Amino acid sequence: MRRITAAVFAALLTASLAGLTDTATAAPTAAATSAPTSVTANQCMLGGGRVVPISPTVRVCVGGIFDGALVEG
């Protein structure tokens, strides 16, 4: 019984250490990016959003990758 417990403990310890090593050496996969503050209406729609007028002079892109960006023009 002691040998089985020791073998299981050793296997779990080895797996845990391998996981820590993989995590520590992994390169970052995505850099932080910020959305542009303003886009054209065409860019908004191509990015999957729609243009919503807030006032007669201010329009905002809603949805898609440019969500919340002001629409120029």
N, C-alpha and C. Protein backbone atom coordinates (compact mmCIF):
# COMPACT_ATOMS: atom_id res chain seq x y z
N MET A 1 0.81 -1.19 0.00
CA MET A 1 0.00 0.00 0.00
C MET A 1 0.86 1.26 0.00
N ARG A 2 1.94 1.27 0.78
CA ARG A 2 2.82 2.44 0.82
C ARG A 2 3.45 2.70 -0.54
N ARG A 3 3.83 1.65 -1.24
CA ARG A 3 4.47 1.81 -2.55
C ARG A 3 3.49 2.42 -3.55
N ILE A 4 2.25 2.00 -3.49
CA ILE A 4 1.25 2.55 -4.42
C ILE A 4 1.02 4.03 -4.10
N THR A 5 0.87 4.35 -2.84
CA THR A 5 0.68 5.74 -2.44
C THR A 5 1.87 6.59 -2.84
N ALA A 6 3.06 6.09 -2.63
CA ALA A 6 4.28 6.82 -3.00
C ALA A 6 4.35 7.02 -4.52
N ALA A 7 3.98 5.99 -5.27
CA ALA A 7 4.02 6.09 -6.73
C ALA A 7 3.01 7.12 -7.24
N VAL A 8 1.81 7.11 -6.67
CA VAL A 8 0.78 8.07 -7.07
C VAL A 8 1.22 9.48 -6.71
N PHE A 9 1.75 9.67 -5.50
CA PHE A 9 2.23 10.98 -5.08
C PHE A 9 3.35 11.48 -5.99
N ALA A 10 4.28 10.60 -6.35
CA ALA A 10 5.39 10.98 -7.22
C ALA A 10 4.88 11.36 -8.61
N ALA A 11 3.89 10.63 -9.11
CA ALA A 11 3.33 10.95 -10.43
C ALA A 11 2.62 12.30 -10.41
N LEU A 12 1.86 12.56 -9.35
CA LEU A 12 1.18 13.85 -9.25
C LEU A 12 2.16 15.00 -9.10
N LEU A 13 3.20 14.80 -8.32
CA LEU A 13 4.22 15.83 -8.14
C LEU A 13 4.94 16.12 -9.45
N THR A 14 5.28 15.09 -10.18
CA THR A 14 5.96 15.26 -11.47
C THR A 14 5.06 16.01 -12.45
N ALA A 15 3.78 15.65 -12.49
CA ALA A 15 2.84 16.33 -13.39
C ALA A 15 2.68 17.80 -13.00
N SER A 16 2.62 18.07 -11.71
CA SER A 16 2.49 19.46 -11.25
C SER A 16 3.70 20.29 -11.62
N LEU A 17 4.88 19.73 -11.42
CA LEU A 17 6.10 20.45 -11.76
C LEU A 17 6.21 20.67 -13.26
N ALA A 18 5.80 19.69 -14.06
CA ALA A 18 5.82 19.86 -15.52
C ALA A 18 4.88 20.97 -15.93
N GLY A 19 3.71 21.06 -15.28
CA GLY A 19 2.77 22.14 -15.59
C GLY A 19 3.31 23.49 -15.24
N LEU A 20 4.01 23.60 -14.12
CA LEU A 20 4.60 24.88 -13.73
C LEU A 20 5.69 25.30 -14.71
N THR A 21 6.48 24.36 -15.16
CA THR A 21 7.54 24.66 -16.12
C THR A 21 6.96 25.14 -17.43
N ASP A 22 5.89 24.48 -17.90
CA ASP A 22 5.26 24.89 -19.16
C ASP A 22 4.68 26.29 -19.05
N THR A 23 4.09 26.59 -17.91
CA THR A 23 3.49 27.90 -17.72
C THR A 23 4.56 28.99 -17.65
N ALA A 24 5.64 28.72 -16.98
CA ALA A 24 6.68 29.73 -16.80
C ALA A 24 7.43 30.02 -18.09
N THR A 25 7.55 29.03 -18.97
CA THR A 25 8.32 29.24 -20.19
C THR A 25 7.47 29.61 -21.39
N ALA A 26 6.16 29.59 -21.24
CA ALA A 26 5.29 29.90 -22.38
C ALA A 26 5.40 31.38 -22.73
N ALA A 27 5.47 31.66 -24.02
CA ALA A 27 5.53 33.04 -24.48
C ALA A 27 4.13 33.63 -24.50
N PRO A 28 4.00 34.91 -24.28
CA PRO A 28 2.68 35.52 -24.36
C PRO A 28 2.11 35.38 -25.77
N THR A 29 0.84 35.03 -25.87
CA THR A 29 0.26 34.78 -27.19
C THR A 29 -0.44 35.99 -27.77
N ALA A 30 -0.89 36.90 -26.93
CA ALA A 30 -1.59 38.06 -27.45
C ALA A 30 -1.12 39.31 -26.73
N ALA A 31 -0.82 40.32 -27.50
CA ALA A 31 -0.42 41.60 -26.91
C ALA A 31 -1.67 42.43 -26.67
N ALA A 32 -1.60 43.30 -25.70
CA ALA A 32 -2.73 44.17 -25.43
C ALA A 32 -2.86 45.18 -26.56
N THR A 33 -4.04 45.27 -27.13
CA THR A 33 -4.29 46.22 -28.20
C THR A 33 -5.43 47.13 -27.78
N SER A 34 -5.41 48.33 -28.26
CA SER A 34 -6.51 49.24 -27.95
C SER A 34 -7.25 49.58 -29.24
N ALA A 35 -8.54 49.71 -29.13
CA ALA A 35 -9.37 50.05 -30.28
C ALA A 35 -9.14 51.51 -30.64
N PRO A 36 -9.23 51.83 -31.92
CA PRO A 36 -9.08 53.24 -32.31
C PRO A 36 -10.23 54.06 -31.74
N THR A 37 -9.95 55.35 -31.50
CA THR A 37 -10.99 56.21 -30.92
C THR A 37 -12.00 56.65 -31.95
N SER A 38 -11.62 56.64 -33.24
CA SER A 38 -12.58 56.98 -34.28
C SER A 38 -12.32 56.13 -35.51
N VAL A 39 -13.41 55.80 -36.19
CA VAL A 39 -13.35 54.99 -37.41
C VAL A 39 -14.31 55.59 -38.42
N THR A 40 -14.20 55.15 -39.65
CA THR A 40 -15.17 55.56 -40.66
C THR A 40 -16.38 54.65 -40.55
N ALA A 41 -17.48 55.07 -41.16
CA ALA A 41 -18.69 54.25 -41.14
C ALA A 41 -18.44 52.91 -41.82
N ASN A 42 -17.67 52.91 -42.89
CA ASN A 42 -17.35 51.68 -43.60
C ASN A 42 -16.53 50.73 -42.73
N GLN A 43 -15.55 51.25 -42.00
CA GLN A 43 -14.74 50.42 -41.12
C GLN A 43 -15.62 49.80 -40.02
N CYS A 44 -16.53 50.60 -39.49
CA CYS A 44 -17.43 50.11 -38.45
C CYS A 44 -18.24 48.93 -38.96
N MET A 45 -18.83 49.08 -40.14
CA MET A 45 -19.66 48.01 -40.69
C MET A 45 -18.83 46.79 -41.09
N LEU A 46 -17.65 47.01 -41.63
CA LEU A 46 -16.79 45.88 -41.99
C LEU A 46 -16.33 45.13 -40.74
N GLY A 47 -16.22 45.83 -39.62
CA GLY A 47 -15.81 45.20 -38.37
C GLY A 47 -16.97 44.52 -37.64
N GLY A 48 -18.15 44.53 -38.23
CA GLY A 48 -19.28 43.83 -37.64
C GLY A 48 -20.19 44.71 -36.81
N GLY A 49 -19.98 46.01 -36.85
CA GLY A 49 -20.81 46.92 -36.06
C GLY A 49 -21.82 47.65 -36.91
N ARG A 50 -22.57 48.52 -36.25
CA ARG A 50 -23.51 49.38 -36.97
C ARG A 50 -23.37 50.80 -36.43
N VAL A 51 -23.65 51.77 -37.27
CA VAL A 51 -23.50 53.18 -36.91
C VAL A 51 -24.79 53.67 -36.27
N VAL A 52 -24.66 54.23 -35.07
CA VAL A 52 -25.83 54.74 -34.34
C VAL A 52 -25.62 56.24 -34.09
N PRO A 53 -26.56 57.07 -34.57
CA PRO A 53 -26.44 58.51 -34.30
C PRO A 53 -26.85 58.83 -32.87
N ILE A 54 -25.96 59.54 -32.16
CA ILE A 54 -26.24 59.97 -30.79
C ILE A 54 -26.88 61.36 -30.81
N SER A 55 -26.40 62.19 -31.72
CA SER A 55 -26.94 63.53 -31.93
C SER A 55 -26.78 63.83 -33.42
N PRO A 56 -27.23 64.97 -33.90
CA PRO A 56 -27.07 65.27 -35.33
C PRO A 56 -25.60 65.29 -35.79
N THR A 57 -24.66 65.53 -34.89
CA THR A 57 -23.26 65.61 -35.30
C THR A 57 -22.39 64.48 -34.76
N VAL A 58 -22.92 63.67 -33.85
CA VAL A 58 -22.11 62.61 -33.22
C VAL A 58 -22.71 61.25 -33.53
N ARG A 59 -21.86 60.36 -34.09
CA ARG A 59 -22.29 58.98 -34.36
C ARG A 59 -21.29 58.03 -33.72
N VAL A 60 -21.79 56.88 -33.25
CA VAL A 60 -20.96 55.90 -32.55
C VAL A 60 -21.13 54.55 -33.21
N CYS A 61 -20.04 53.78 -33.24
CA CYS A 61 -20.08 52.41 -33.75
C CYS A 61 -20.49 51.50 -32.60
N VAL A 62 -21.54 50.71 -32.81
CA VAL A 62 -22.05 49.81 -31.77
C VAL A 62 -21.89 48.37 -32.24
N GLY A 63 -21.22 47.56 -31.44
CA GLY A 63 -20.99 46.16 -31.78
C GLY A 63 -19.75 45.99 -32.62
N GLY A 64 -19.38 44.75 -32.85
CA GLY A 64 -18.21 44.45 -33.66
C GLY A 64 -16.91 44.79 -32.96
N ILE A 65 -15.84 44.84 -33.73
CA ILE A 65 -14.52 45.05 -33.16
C ILE A 65 -14.24 46.52 -32.82
N PHE A 66 -15.05 47.44 -33.34
CA PHE A 66 -14.86 48.86 -33.06
C PHE A 66 -15.95 49.39 -32.12
N ASP A 67 -16.51 48.56 -31.29
CA ASP A 67 -17.59 48.94 -30.40
C ASP A 67 -17.21 50.13 -29.54
N GLY A 68 -18.03 51.18 -29.59
CA GLY A 68 -17.78 52.35 -28.77
C GLY A 68 -16.95 53.43 -29.44
N ALA A 69 -16.41 53.17 -30.63
CA ALA A 69 -15.59 54.16 -31.32
C ALA A 69 -16.48 55.21 -31.98
N LEU A 70 -16.00 56.45 -31.97
CA LEU A 70 -16.71 57.52 -32.68
C LEU A 70 -16.58 57.31 -34.18
N VAL A 71 -17.64 57.64 -34.90
CA VAL A 71 -17.64 57.48 -36.36
C VAL A 71 -17.37 58.85 -36.98
N GLU A 72 -16.35 58.91 -37.82
CA GLU A 72 -15.98 60.15 -38.50
C GLU A 72 -16.92 60.41 -39.68
N GLY A 73 -17.08 61.69 -40.00
CA GLY A 73 -17.76 62.07 -41.22
C GLY A 73 -19.21 62.31 -41.12
